[in-house]
């Protein structure tokens, strides 16, 4: 199946070690990728371009929320785009999961599909990390009116119409809850699909640690 109407949006910050491989692997299925280089101090942007991605640059680091919003705006400038997929740069997301999420969107006539690491047992998050993330989910569901099992998973499928309605202003971890909150206010159909988040020593060093999960919860409460 061709995915010419799908754009992967990848926030990019100091990922030169892995971004080339991530982009090349993704482009084997999804030819259209925009990486938003969020003021990287390394060679991330060039490696993403060499691997075949479009790269949009922020001159300074603005945060992941701002990078996503820039990526959304770029994707919306492409007339043939019908779906946006938010995808992480550190190699923790799986392309097979994206395919399954898009198939779910098509078959169930959904506008949004959220990835959830808690719908099957493939993801080894650890007890304490999982506990903190579930607490964050509970808080997000309470404050947004949605019913999700994993509100802070960076893997999402968004229709063009939904993407056009989003205006992300939170640039730290709270941007994920802001995105869910904005979707919750729209009259759209959404669902969840099980995904495998692959935690590695590298991804943990880039912000997938237990402490980062605590920061997510703190950002939610204090924002």
N, C-alpha and C. Protein backbone atom coordinates (compact mmCIF):
# COMPACT_ATOMS: atom_id res chain seq x y z
N UNK A 1 0.84 -1.20 0.00
CA UNK A 1 0.00 0.00 0.00
C UNK A 1 0.87 1.25 0.00
N UNK A 2 0.52 2.21 -0.84
CA UNK A 2 1.27 3.47 -0.89
C UNK A 2 0.73 4.43 0.17
N UNK A 3 1.62 5.22 0.72
CA UNK A 3 1.23 6.18 1.75
C UNK A 3 1.64 7.58 1.33
N UNK A 4 1.28 7.96 0.10
CA UNK A 4 1.68 9.25 -0.43
C UNK A 4 0.97 10.41 0.25
N UNK A 5 -0.12 10.13 0.97
CA UNK A 5 -0.87 11.21 1.64
C UNK A 5 -0.54 11.30 3.12
N UNK A 6 0.52 10.60 3.56
CA UNK A 6 0.91 10.57 4.97
C UNK A 6 2.24 11.30 5.14
N UNK A 7 2.30 12.17 6.15
CA UNK A 7 3.55 12.85 6.49
C UNK A 7 3.93 12.53 7.94
N UNK A 8 5.13 12.04 8.13
CA UNK A 8 5.68 11.87 9.48
C UNK A 8 6.30 13.20 9.92
N UNK A 9 5.94 13.65 11.12
CA UNK A 9 6.51 14.85 11.71
C UNK A 9 7.41 14.42 12.87
N UNK A 10 8.69 14.73 12.76
CA UNK A 10 9.67 14.29 13.75
C UNK A 10 10.37 15.50 14.38
N UNK A 11 10.06 15.81 15.65
CA UNK A 11 10.85 16.83 16.36
C UNK A 11 12.28 16.31 16.54
N UNK A 12 13.25 17.18 16.30
CA UNK A 12 14.64 16.74 16.26
C UNK A 12 15.52 17.67 17.08
N UNK A 13 16.20 17.08 18.06
CA UNK A 13 17.13 17.88 18.86
C UNK A 13 18.30 17.00 19.30
N UNK A 14 19.47 17.26 18.73
CA UNK A 14 20.71 16.56 19.09
C UNK A 14 20.56 15.05 19.04
N UNK A 15 20.17 14.54 17.87
CA UNK A 15 19.99 13.09 17.68
C UNK A 15 20.87 12.57 16.54
N UNK A 16 22.06 13.16 16.35
CA UNK A 16 22.88 12.79 15.21
C UNK A 16 23.27 11.32 15.23
N UNK A 17 23.32 10.69 16.39
CA UNK A 17 23.72 9.28 16.46
C UNK A 17 22.73 8.34 15.78
N UNK A 18 21.44 8.71 15.80
CA UNK A 18 20.42 7.75 15.35
C UNK A 18 19.49 8.28 14.27
N UNK A 19 19.41 9.60 14.05
CA UNK A 19 18.36 10.12 13.19
C UNK A 19 18.47 9.64 11.76
N UNK A 20 19.67 9.44 11.24
CA UNK A 20 19.81 8.94 9.88
C UNK A 20 19.17 7.58 9.73
N UNK A 21 19.46 6.68 10.65
CA UNK A 21 18.87 5.34 10.61
C UNK A 21 17.36 5.39 10.79
N UNK A 22 16.88 6.23 11.70
CA UNK A 22 15.44 6.35 11.94
C UNK A 22 14.73 6.81 10.67
N UNK A 23 15.26 7.83 10.01
CA UNK A 23 14.62 8.35 8.79
C UNK A 23 14.67 7.33 7.66
N UNK A 24 15.81 6.70 7.46
CA UNK A 24 15.92 5.72 6.38
C UNK A 24 14.95 4.56 6.59
N UNK A 25 14.86 4.06 7.81
CA UNK A 25 13.95 2.95 8.09
C UNK A 25 12.50 3.36 7.86
N UNK A 26 12.15 4.57 8.28
CA UNK A 26 10.78 5.04 8.11
C UNK A 26 10.43 5.26 6.65
N UNK A 27 11.38 5.78 5.86
CA UNK A 27 11.10 6.09 4.46
C UNK A 27 10.95 4.85 3.59
N UNK A 28 11.32 3.70 4.11
CA UNK A 28 11.07 2.46 3.37
C UNK A 28 9.57 2.21 3.23
N UNK A 29 8.78 2.79 4.13
CA UNK A 29 7.32 2.66 4.09
C UNK A 29 6.65 4.00 3.84
N UNK A 30 7.15 5.05 4.48
CA UNK A 30 6.54 6.37 4.40
C UNK A 30 7.53 7.35 3.76
N UNK A 31 7.31 7.71 2.49
CA UNK A 31 8.31 8.52 1.78
C UNK A 31 8.39 9.96 2.26
N UNK A 32 7.34 10.46 2.92
CA UNK A 32 7.29 11.88 3.26
C UNK A 32 7.53 12.08 4.75
N UNK A 33 8.65 12.72 5.06
CA UNK A 33 9.03 12.98 6.45
C UNK A 33 9.54 14.41 6.56
N UNK A 34 9.04 15.13 7.56
CA UNK A 34 9.61 16.44 7.88
C UNK A 34 10.18 16.38 9.29
N UNK A 35 11.46 16.68 9.40
CA UNK A 35 12.12 16.78 10.70
C UNK A 35 12.24 18.26 11.05
N UNK A 36 11.83 18.62 12.25
CA UNK A 36 11.96 19.99 12.71
C UNK A 36 13.16 20.05 13.64
N UNK A 37 14.26 20.59 13.12
CA UNK A 37 15.48 20.68 13.91
C UNK A 37 15.34 21.84 14.89
N UNK A 38 15.23 21.51 16.16
CA UNK A 38 14.89 22.49 17.18
C UNK A 38 16.15 23.06 17.84
N UNK A 39 16.97 23.71 17.00
CA UNK A 39 18.17 24.35 17.52
C UNK A 39 19.26 23.38 17.94
N UNK A 40 19.40 22.27 17.23
CA UNK A 40 20.42 21.28 17.58
C UNK A 40 21.82 21.87 17.54
N UNK A 41 22.67 21.37 18.43
CA UNK A 41 24.06 21.82 18.46
C UNK A 41 24.98 20.84 17.76
N UNK A 42 24.40 19.75 17.22
CA UNK A 42 25.21 18.74 16.54
C UNK A 42 24.82 18.69 15.07
N UNK A 43 25.10 17.56 14.42
CA UNK A 43 24.92 17.43 12.97
C UNK A 43 23.59 16.75 12.62
N UNK A 44 22.62 16.85 13.52
CA UNK A 44 21.34 16.16 13.32
C UNK A 44 20.66 16.55 12.01
N UNK A 45 20.60 17.85 11.73
CA UNK A 45 19.86 18.32 10.56
C UNK A 45 20.45 17.76 9.26
N UNK A 46 21.75 17.81 9.13
CA UNK A 46 22.37 17.30 7.90
C UNK A 46 22.14 15.81 7.74
N UNK A 47 22.25 15.06 8.84
CA UNK A 47 22.05 13.61 8.75
C UNK A 47 20.62 13.27 8.39
N UNK A 48 19.66 14.05 8.88
CA UNK A 48 18.26 13.83 8.51
C UNK A 48 18.04 14.13 7.03
N UNK A 49 18.63 15.22 6.54
CA UNK A 49 18.52 15.56 5.12
C UNK A 49 19.18 14.50 4.25
N UNK A 50 20.36 14.04 4.63
CA UNK A 50 21.06 13.02 3.85
C UNK A 50 20.25 11.73 3.76
N UNK A 51 19.44 11.46 4.79
CA UNK A 51 18.62 10.25 4.80
C UNK A 51 17.31 10.43 4.03
N UNK A 52 17.04 11.65 3.58
CA UNK A 52 15.88 11.87 2.72
C UNK A 52 14.74 12.66 3.31
N UNK A 53 14.90 13.19 4.51
CA UNK A 53 13.85 13.99 5.13
C UNK A 53 13.92 15.44 4.69
N UNK A 54 12.77 16.09 4.68
CA UNK A 54 12.73 17.55 4.62
C UNK A 54 13.09 18.05 6.02
N UNK A 55 13.92 19.08 6.11
CA UNK A 55 14.29 19.62 7.41
C UNK A 55 13.90 21.09 7.48
N UNK A 56 13.13 21.42 8.52
CA UNK A 56 12.79 22.80 8.85
C UNK A 56 13.54 23.13 10.13
N UNK A 57 14.17 24.29 10.19
CA UNK A 57 15.05 24.61 11.31
C UNK A 57 14.49 25.72 12.20
N UNK A 58 14.59 25.49 13.51
CA UNK A 58 14.45 26.56 14.49
C UNK A 58 15.85 27.07 14.81
N UNK A 59 16.09 28.38 14.80
CA UNK A 59 17.44 28.88 15.09
C UNK A 59 17.87 28.66 16.53
N UNK A 60 16.90 28.53 17.45
CA UNK A 60 17.20 28.25 18.85
C UNK A 60 16.26 27.14 19.32
N UNK A 61 16.62 26.53 20.44
CA UNK A 61 15.79 25.46 21.00
C UNK A 61 14.53 26.04 21.63
N UNK A 62 13.37 25.66 21.09
CA UNK A 62 12.08 26.16 21.57
C UNK A 62 11.27 25.12 22.33
N UNK A 63 11.64 23.84 22.20
CA UNK A 63 10.91 22.79 22.89
C UNK A 63 10.11 21.93 21.93
N UNK A 64 9.75 20.74 22.40
CA UNK A 64 9.11 19.76 21.53
C UNK A 64 7.73 20.22 21.05
N UNK A 65 6.99 20.92 21.91
CA UNK A 65 5.69 21.41 21.49
C UNK A 65 5.80 22.35 20.30
N UNK A 66 6.75 23.27 20.36
CA UNK A 66 6.96 24.21 19.25
C UNK A 66 7.41 23.47 17.99
N UNK A 67 8.25 22.46 18.16
CA UNK A 67 8.71 21.69 17.00
C UNK A 67 7.55 20.96 16.33
N UNK A 68 6.67 20.39 17.14
CA UNK A 68 5.50 19.72 16.56
C UNK A 68 4.63 20.72 15.81
N UNK A 69 4.38 21.88 16.41
CA UNK A 69 3.52 22.86 15.75
C UNK A 69 4.12 23.31 14.42
N UNK A 70 5.43 23.52 14.38
CA UNK A 70 6.09 23.87 13.12
C UNK A 70 5.94 22.76 12.10
N UNK A 71 6.09 21.50 12.55
CA UNK A 71 5.92 20.37 11.65
C UNK A 71 4.51 20.27 11.12
N UNK A 72 3.52 20.54 11.98
CA UNK A 72 2.12 20.53 11.53
C UNK A 72 1.91 21.58 10.44
N UNK A 73 2.44 22.76 10.66
CA UNK A 73 2.25 23.84 9.69
C UNK A 73 2.90 23.51 8.36
N UNK A 74 4.08 22.86 8.41
CA UNK A 74 4.72 22.46 7.15
C UNK A 74 3.85 21.42 6.43
N UNK A 75 3.41 20.39 7.16
CA UNK A 75 2.61 19.33 6.54
C UNK A 75 1.32 19.89 5.95
N UNK A 76 0.70 20.85 6.64
CA UNK A 76 -0.53 21.45 6.13
C UNK A 76 -0.30 22.25 4.85
N UNK A 77 0.94 22.66 4.61
CA UNK A 77 1.25 23.40 3.38
C UNK A 77 1.31 22.50 2.15
N UNK A 78 1.27 21.19 2.37
CA UNK A 78 1.30 20.21 1.28
C UNK A 78 -0.14 19.83 0.93
N UNK A 79 -0.64 20.20 -0.24
CA UNK A 79 -2.06 19.98 -0.56
C UNK A 79 -2.51 18.53 -0.51
N UNK A 80 -1.59 17.61 -0.81
CA UNK A 80 -1.97 16.19 -0.87
C UNK A 80 -1.93 15.49 0.48
N UNK A 81 -1.49 16.18 1.52
CA UNK A 81 -1.41 15.55 2.84
C UNK A 81 -2.80 15.31 3.40
N UNK A 82 -3.04 14.08 3.86
CA UNK A 82 -4.31 13.74 4.49
C UNK A 82 -4.13 13.25 5.92
N UNK A 83 -2.92 12.79 6.26
CA UNK A 83 -2.65 12.28 7.60
C UNK A 83 -1.28 12.75 8.07
N UNK A 84 -1.21 13.13 9.34
CA UNK A 84 0.06 13.43 9.99
C UNK A 84 0.31 12.36 11.04
N UNK A 85 1.55 11.90 11.13
CA UNK A 85 1.97 10.97 12.18
C UNK A 85 3.06 11.65 13.00
N UNK A 86 2.84 11.80 14.31
CA UNK A 86 3.91 12.33 15.16
C UNK A 86 4.80 11.16 15.56
N UNK A 87 6.10 11.34 15.40
CA UNK A 87 7.04 10.22 15.49
C UNK A 87 8.30 10.72 16.17
N UNK A 88 8.83 9.96 17.12
CA UNK A 88 10.02 10.40 17.86
C UNK A 88 11.31 10.11 17.09
N UNK A 89 12.34 10.92 17.37
CA UNK A 89 13.60 10.84 16.64
C UNK A 89 14.58 9.83 17.20
N UNK A 90 14.31 9.29 18.39
CA UNK A 90 15.32 8.50 19.08
C UNK A 90 15.25 7.00 18.82
N UNK A 91 14.36 6.56 17.92
CA UNK A 91 14.29 5.16 17.56
C UNK A 91 13.39 4.31 18.42
N UNK A 92 12.59 4.92 19.30
CA UNK A 92 11.75 4.12 20.19
C UNK A 92 10.43 3.69 19.55
N UNK A 93 10.03 4.31 18.43
CA UNK A 93 8.77 3.96 17.78
C UNK A 93 8.98 2.97 16.64
N UNK A 94 7.95 2.18 16.36
CA UNK A 94 8.04 1.13 15.36
C UNK A 94 7.13 1.46 14.17
N UNK A 95 7.68 1.32 12.97
CA UNK A 95 6.91 1.62 11.76
C UNK A 95 5.72 0.69 11.61
N UNK A 96 5.85 -0.58 11.99
CA UNK A 96 4.71 -1.50 11.91
C UNK A 96 3.53 -1.00 12.73
N UNK A 97 3.82 -0.33 13.85
CA UNK A 97 2.74 0.22 14.66
C UNK A 97 2.03 1.37 13.93
N UNK A 98 2.79 2.18 13.21
CA UNK A 98 2.19 3.27 12.44
C UNK A 98 1.24 2.70 11.39
N UNK A 99 1.67 1.66 10.70
CA UNK A 99 0.83 1.02 9.69
C UNK A 99 -0.46 0.52 10.32
N UNK A 100 -0.37 -0.13 11.47
CA UNK A 100 -1.56 -0.65 12.15
C UNK A 100 -2.48 0.49 12.58
N UNK A 101 -1.91 1.60 13.02
CA UNK A 101 -2.73 2.74 13.44
C UNK A 101 -3.47 3.36 12.26
N UNK A 102 -2.79 3.48 11.13
CA UNK A 102 -3.45 4.01 9.94
C UNK A 102 -4.55 3.07 9.47
N UNK A 103 -4.30 1.77 9.51
CA UNK A 103 -5.33 0.81 9.11
C UNK A 103 -6.54 0.92 10.04
N UNK A 104 -6.31 1.15 11.33
CA UNK A 104 -7.40 1.35 12.27
C UNK A 104 -8.19 2.61 11.93
N UNK A 105 -7.47 3.67 11.59
CA UNK A 105 -8.14 4.92 11.23
C UNK A 105 -9.04 4.73 10.01
N UNK A 106 -8.52 4.00 9.01
CA UNK A 106 -9.30 3.75 7.81
C UNK A 106 -10.51 2.87 8.10
N UNK A 107 -10.28 1.75 8.77
CA UNK A 107 -11.34 0.75 8.96
C UNK A 107 -12.43 1.21 9.91
N UNK A 108 -12.05 2.00 10.94
CA UNK A 108 -13.01 2.44 11.94
C UNK A 108 -13.48 3.88 11.73
N UNK A 109 -13.06 4.48 10.63
CA UNK A 109 -13.46 5.85 10.29
C UNK A 109 -13.13 6.81 11.43
N UNK A 110 -11.87 6.80 11.86
CA UNK A 110 -11.42 7.63 12.96
C UNK A 110 -10.66 8.86 12.45
N UNK A 111 -10.72 9.93 13.23
CA UNK A 111 -9.97 11.14 12.90
C UNK A 111 -8.60 11.16 13.58
N UNK A 112 -8.50 10.45 14.72
CA UNK A 112 -7.27 10.42 15.51
C UNK A 112 -7.08 9.01 16.05
N UNK A 113 -5.85 8.53 16.00
CA UNK A 113 -5.49 7.28 16.67
C UNK A 113 -4.29 7.57 17.56
N UNK A 114 -4.45 7.31 18.85
CA UNK A 114 -3.37 7.46 19.81
C UNK A 114 -2.68 6.11 20.01
N UNK A 115 -1.36 6.11 20.06
CA UNK A 115 -0.64 4.90 20.43
C UNK A 115 -0.68 4.71 21.93
N UNK A 116 -0.79 3.45 22.37
CA UNK A 116 -0.77 3.16 23.81
C UNK A 116 0.15 1.99 24.09
N UNK A 117 1.11 2.23 25.00
CA UNK A 117 2.04 1.17 25.40
C UNK A 117 1.42 0.26 26.45
N UNK A 118 0.21 0.59 26.92
CA UNK A 118 -0.42 -0.16 28.00
C UNK A 118 -1.54 -1.09 27.53
N UNK A 119 -1.72 -1.22 26.21
CA UNK A 119 -2.76 -2.10 25.70
C UNK A 119 -2.27 -3.51 25.41
N UNK A 120 -0.97 -3.72 25.46
CA UNK A 120 -0.41 -5.07 25.39
C UNK A 120 0.85 -5.10 26.24
N UNK A 121 1.55 -6.22 26.23
CA UNK A 121 2.69 -6.38 27.14
C UNK A 121 4.04 -6.30 26.45
N UNK A 122 4.10 -5.68 25.27
CA UNK A 122 5.37 -5.63 24.54
C UNK A 122 6.35 -4.62 25.14
N UNK A 123 5.84 -3.54 25.74
CA UNK A 123 6.70 -2.46 26.24
C UNK A 123 7.11 -2.72 27.68
N UNK A 124 8.40 -2.67 27.93
CA UNK A 124 8.94 -2.88 29.27
C UNK A 124 9.29 -1.53 29.88
N UNK A 125 8.28 -0.89 30.47
CA UNK A 125 8.49 0.46 31.00
C UNK A 125 9.08 0.44 32.40
N UNK A 126 8.91 -0.65 33.13
CA UNK A 126 9.33 -0.68 34.53
C UNK A 126 8.17 -0.28 35.42
N UNK A 127 8.13 -0.84 36.63
CA UNK A 127 6.98 -0.65 37.51
C UNK A 127 6.78 0.82 37.89
N UNK A 128 7.86 1.48 38.37
CA UNK A 128 7.70 2.85 38.86
C UNK A 128 7.39 3.81 37.71
N UNK A 129 8.07 3.65 36.59
CA UNK A 129 7.80 4.51 35.43
C UNK A 129 6.37 4.34 34.97
N UNK A 130 5.91 3.08 34.89
CA UNK A 130 4.54 2.82 34.49
C UNK A 130 3.54 3.43 35.44
N UNK A 131 3.85 3.36 36.74
CA UNK A 131 2.96 3.93 37.76
C UNK A 131 2.83 5.44 37.59
N UNK A 132 3.95 6.11 37.38
CA UNK A 132 3.92 7.56 37.21
C UNK A 132 3.19 7.94 35.92
N UNK A 133 3.45 7.21 34.84
CA UNK A 133 2.77 7.51 33.57
C UNK A 133 1.27 7.30 33.68
N UNK A 134 0.85 6.26 34.40
CA UNK A 134 -0.59 6.02 34.58
C UNK A 134 -1.22 7.12 35.42
N UNK A 135 -0.48 7.64 36.40
CA UNK A 135 -0.98 8.77 37.18
C UNK A 135 -1.17 9.98 36.27
N UNK A 136 -0.22 10.20 35.36
CA UNK A 136 -0.34 11.31 34.41
C UNK A 136 -1.54 11.12 33.49
N UNK A 137 -1.79 9.88 33.09
CA UNK A 137 -2.96 9.58 32.25
C UNK A 137 -4.25 9.91 33.01
N UNK A 138 -4.31 9.48 34.28
CA UNK A 138 -5.49 9.76 35.08
C UNK A 138 -5.76 11.25 35.19
N UNK A 139 -4.71 12.02 35.42
CA UNK A 139 -4.86 13.47 35.53
C UNK A 139 -5.31 14.07 34.19
N UNK A 140 -4.72 13.60 33.10
CA UNK A 140 -5.09 14.10 31.78
C UNK A 140 -6.54 13.78 31.46
N UNK A 141 -6.97 12.55 31.72
CA UNK A 141 -8.37 12.19 31.46
C UNK A 141 -9.32 13.05 32.28
N UNK A 142 -8.95 13.31 33.52
CA UNK A 142 -9.80 14.09 34.41
C UNK A 142 -9.95 15.53 33.91
N UNK A 143 -8.89 16.09 33.36
CA UNK A 143 -8.89 17.51 33.00
C UNK A 143 -9.23 17.77 31.53
N UNK A 144 -9.25 16.73 30.70
CA UNK A 144 -9.51 16.93 29.27
C UNK A 144 -10.84 16.34 28.81
N UNK A 145 -11.45 15.48 29.63
CA UNK A 145 -12.69 14.85 29.22
C UNK A 145 -12.50 13.68 28.27
N UNK A 146 -11.26 13.28 28.03
CA UNK A 146 -11.00 12.12 27.18
C UNK A 146 -10.90 10.85 28.03
N UNK A 147 -10.84 9.72 27.36
CA UNK A 147 -10.68 8.43 28.04
C UNK A 147 -9.59 7.66 27.32
N UNK A 148 -8.35 7.86 27.77
CA UNK A 148 -7.20 7.21 27.16
C UNK A 148 -6.49 6.36 28.19
N UNK A 149 -5.67 5.43 27.70
CA UNK A 149 -4.84 4.63 28.59
C UNK A 149 -3.38 5.08 28.59
N UNK A 150 -3.02 5.97 27.64
CA UNK A 150 -1.62 6.41 27.52
C UNK A 150 -1.59 7.77 26.84
N UNK A 151 -1.78 8.82 27.63
CA UNK A 151 -1.90 10.16 27.06
C UNK A 151 -0.58 10.78 26.66
N UNK A 152 0.54 10.20 27.12
CA UNK A 152 1.85 10.82 26.86
C UNK A 152 2.72 9.94 25.98
N UNK A 153 2.09 9.31 25.03
CA UNK A 153 2.79 8.54 24.02
C UNK A 153 2.97 9.44 22.80
N UNK A 154 4.19 9.57 22.31
CA UNK A 154 4.47 10.47 21.21
C UNK A 154 4.04 9.98 19.85
N UNK A 155 3.53 8.75 19.76
CA UNK A 155 3.11 8.19 18.48
C UNK A 155 1.61 8.39 18.31
N UNK A 156 1.25 9.22 17.32
CA UNK A 156 -0.15 9.56 17.09
C UNK A 156 -0.41 9.67 15.59
N UNK A 157 -1.62 9.37 15.18
CA UNK A 157 -2.08 9.58 13.81
C UNK A 157 -3.19 10.62 13.85
N UNK A 158 -3.05 11.68 13.06
CA UNK A 158 -4.00 12.79 13.07
C UNK A 158 -4.46 13.07 11.65
N UNK A 159 -5.77 13.23 11.47
CA UNK A 159 -6.27 13.60 10.15
C UNK A 159 -5.88 15.05 9.83
N UNK A 160 -5.98 15.39 8.56
CA UNK A 160 -5.65 16.76 8.15
C UNK A 160 -6.54 17.77 8.87
N UNK A 161 -7.85 17.48 8.94
CA UNK A 161 -8.77 18.43 9.56
C UNK A 161 -8.43 18.65 11.03
N UNK A 162 -8.08 17.59 11.74
CA UNK A 162 -7.71 17.73 13.15
C UNK A 162 -6.40 18.51 13.27
N UNK A 163 -5.42 18.19 12.46
CA UNK A 163 -4.13 18.89 12.50
C UNK A 163 -4.32 20.38 12.31
N UNK A 164 -5.23 20.76 11.43
CA UNK A 164 -5.47 22.17 11.15
C UNK A 164 -6.06 22.91 12.35
N UNK A 165 -6.68 22.18 13.26
CA UNK A 165 -7.31 22.79 14.43
C UNK A 165 -6.35 22.94 15.61
N UNK A 166 -5.20 22.30 15.55
CA UNK A 166 -4.29 22.28 16.69
C UNK A 166 -3.43 23.54 16.74
N UNK A 167 -3.22 24.02 17.96
CA UNK A 167 -2.36 25.19 18.18
C UNK A 167 -1.60 24.94 19.48
N UNK A 168 -0.46 24.28 19.39
CA UNK A 168 0.29 23.87 20.57
C UNK A 168 1.13 25.03 21.06
N UNK A 169 0.92 25.43 22.31
CA UNK A 169 1.66 26.54 22.90
C UNK A 169 2.57 26.09 24.04
N UNK A 170 2.28 24.91 24.62
CA UNK A 170 3.14 24.38 25.69
C UNK A 170 4.35 23.71 25.05
N UNK A 171 5.54 24.14 25.43
CA UNK A 171 6.74 23.66 24.76
C UNK A 171 7.47 22.57 25.52
N UNK A 172 7.16 22.37 26.81
CA UNK A 172 7.80 21.30 27.56
C UNK A 172 6.91 20.06 27.53
N UNK A 173 6.96 19.21 28.57
CA UNK A 173 6.25 17.95 28.55
C UNK A 173 4.73 18.12 28.49
N UNK A 174 4.23 19.25 29.00
CA UNK A 174 2.79 19.46 29.05
C UNK A 174 2.17 19.62 27.66
N UNK A 175 2.98 19.72 26.60
CA UNK A 175 2.41 19.87 25.27
C UNK A 175 1.55 18.67 24.89
N UNK A 176 1.90 17.47 25.40
CA UNK A 176 1.14 16.28 25.06
C UNK A 176 -0.28 16.36 25.62
N UNK A 177 -0.41 16.83 26.86
CA UNK A 177 -1.75 16.99 27.44
C UNK A 177 -2.51 18.12 26.76
N UNK A 178 -1.81 19.18 26.36
CA UNK A 178 -2.46 20.26 25.63
C UNK A 178 -3.04 19.74 24.32
N UNK A 179 -2.28 18.90 23.62
CA UNK A 179 -2.75 18.32 22.37
C UNK A 179 -4.00 17.48 22.61
N UNK A 180 -3.96 16.63 23.65
CA UNK A 180 -5.13 15.81 23.97
C UNK A 180 -6.32 16.68 24.33
N UNK A 181 -6.07 17.73 25.12
CA UNK A 181 -7.15 18.63 25.53
C UNK A 181 -7.81 19.28 24.32
N UNK A 182 -7.00 19.73 23.36
CA UNK A 182 -7.56 20.37 22.18
C UNK A 182 -8.36 19.38 21.34
N UNK A 183 -7.87 18.16 21.23
CA UNK A 183 -8.61 17.14 20.49
C UNK A 183 -9.92 16.81 21.20
N UNK A 184 -9.86 16.76 22.55
CA UNK A 184 -11.06 16.46 23.32
C UNK A 184 -12.17 17.47 23.12
N UNK A 185 -11.82 18.70 22.77
CA UNK A 185 -12.82 19.74 22.56
C UNK A 185 -13.43 19.69 21.16
N UNK A 186 -12.83 18.91 20.27
CA UNK A 186 -13.33 18.80 18.91
C UNK A 186 -14.35 17.67 18.81
N UNK A 187 -15.27 17.79 17.89
CA UNK A 187 -16.26 16.73 17.66
C UNK A 187 -15.68 15.74 16.65
N UNK A 188 -14.73 14.93 17.15
CA UNK A 188 -14.03 13.99 16.27
C UNK A 188 -14.04 12.59 16.90
N UNK A 189 -13.85 11.61 16.05
CA UNK A 189 -13.78 10.22 16.51
C UNK A 189 -12.32 9.84 16.73
N UNK A 190 -12.01 9.27 17.91
CA UNK A 190 -10.64 8.87 18.19
C UNK A 190 -10.63 7.48 18.81
N UNK A 191 -9.47 6.84 18.70
CA UNK A 191 -9.29 5.52 19.29
C UNK A 191 -7.85 5.33 19.70
N UNK A 192 -7.56 4.17 20.28
CA UNK A 192 -6.19 3.84 20.70
C UNK A 192 -5.78 2.52 20.06
N UNK A 193 -4.50 2.43 19.78
CA UNK A 193 -3.94 1.21 19.19
C UNK A 193 -2.70 0.81 19.99
N UNK A 194 -2.52 -0.49 20.26
CA UNK A 194 -1.33 -0.90 21.01
C UNK A 194 -0.05 -0.66 20.22
N UNK A 195 0.97 -0.14 20.90
CA UNK A 195 2.26 0.11 20.26
C UNK A 195 3.38 -0.38 21.17
N UNK A 196 4.50 -0.65 20.55
CA UNK A 196 5.69 -1.11 21.28
C UNK A 196 6.68 0.03 21.37
N UNK A 197 6.89 0.55 22.57
CA UNK A 197 7.91 1.57 22.80
C UNK A 197 9.20 0.85 23.19
N UNK A 198 10.22 1.01 22.37
CA UNK A 198 11.48 0.30 22.58
C UNK A 198 12.44 1.18 23.38
N UNK A 199 12.54 0.90 24.67
CA UNK A 199 13.47 1.65 25.52
C UNK A 199 14.86 1.04 25.41
N UNK A 200 15.81 1.89 25.07
CA UNK A 200 17.21 1.48 24.98
C UNK A 200 18.03 2.37 25.90
N UNK A 201 19.29 2.01 26.09
CA UNK A 201 20.18 2.88 26.88
C UNK A 201 20.23 4.27 26.26
N UNK A 202 20.23 4.32 24.92
CA UNK A 202 20.29 5.61 24.24
C UNK A 202 19.02 6.42 24.50
N UNK A 203 17.83 5.80 24.30
CA UNK A 203 16.60 6.56 24.48
C UNK A 203 16.42 7.01 25.92
N UNK A 204 16.86 6.18 26.87
CA UNK A 204 16.78 6.60 28.28
C UNK A 204 17.68 7.80 28.54
N UNK A 205 18.83 7.81 27.90
CA UNK A 205 19.74 8.94 28.09
C UNK A 205 19.19 10.22 27.47
N UNK A 206 18.24 10.07 26.53
CA UNK A 206 17.67 11.22 25.85
C UNK A 206 16.35 11.68 26.47
N UNK A 207 15.98 11.10 27.62
CA UNK A 207 14.79 11.62 28.29
C UNK A 207 13.71 10.62 28.56
N UNK A 208 13.97 9.32 28.44
CA UNK A 208 12.95 8.32 28.70
C UNK A 208 13.15 7.64 30.06
N UNK A 209 13.79 8.34 30.97
CA UNK A 209 14.06 7.79 32.29
C UNK A 209 12.85 7.95 33.20
N UNK A 210 12.91 7.32 34.39
CA UNK A 210 11.87 7.49 35.39
C UNK A 210 11.74 8.96 35.76
N UNK A 211 12.87 9.65 35.94
CA UNK A 211 12.83 11.06 36.33
C UNK A 211 12.07 11.90 35.31
N UNK A 212 12.22 11.56 34.03
CA UNK A 212 11.50 12.29 33.01
C UNK A 212 10.00 12.09 33.14
N UNK A 213 9.59 10.89 33.53
CA UNK A 213 8.17 10.63 33.75
C UNK A 213 7.63 11.46 34.90
N UNK A 214 8.45 11.61 35.95
CA UNK A 214 8.07 12.47 37.08
C UNK A 214 7.92 13.92 36.60
N UNK A 215 8.82 14.36 35.72
CA UNK A 215 8.73 15.71 35.18
C UNK A 215 7.44 15.92 34.39
N UNK A 216 7.01 14.88 33.67
CA UNK A 216 5.75 14.96 32.93
C UNK A 216 4.60 15.25 33.88
N UNK A 217 4.54 14.49 34.98
CA UNK A 217 3.47 14.67 35.94
C UNK A 217 3.54 16.06 36.58
N UNK A 218 4.74 16.50 36.92
CA UNK A 218 4.90 17.83 37.52
C UNK A 218 4.48 18.93 36.56
N UNK A 219 4.86 18.79 35.29
CA UNK A 219 4.47 19.80 34.30
C UNK A 219 2.96 19.90 34.17
N UNK A 220 2.28 18.75 34.23
CA UNK A 220 0.82 18.74 34.10
C UNK A 220 0.17 19.52 35.23
N UNK A 221 0.64 19.27 36.45
CA UNK A 221 0.01 19.86 37.63
C UNK A 221 0.33 21.34 37.75
N UNK A 222 1.55 21.74 37.35
CA UNK A 222 2.00 23.11 37.56
C UNK A 222 1.74 24.04 36.39
N UNK A 223 1.37 23.52 35.25
CA UNK A 223 1.24 24.39 34.06
C UNK A 223 0.06 25.35 34.21
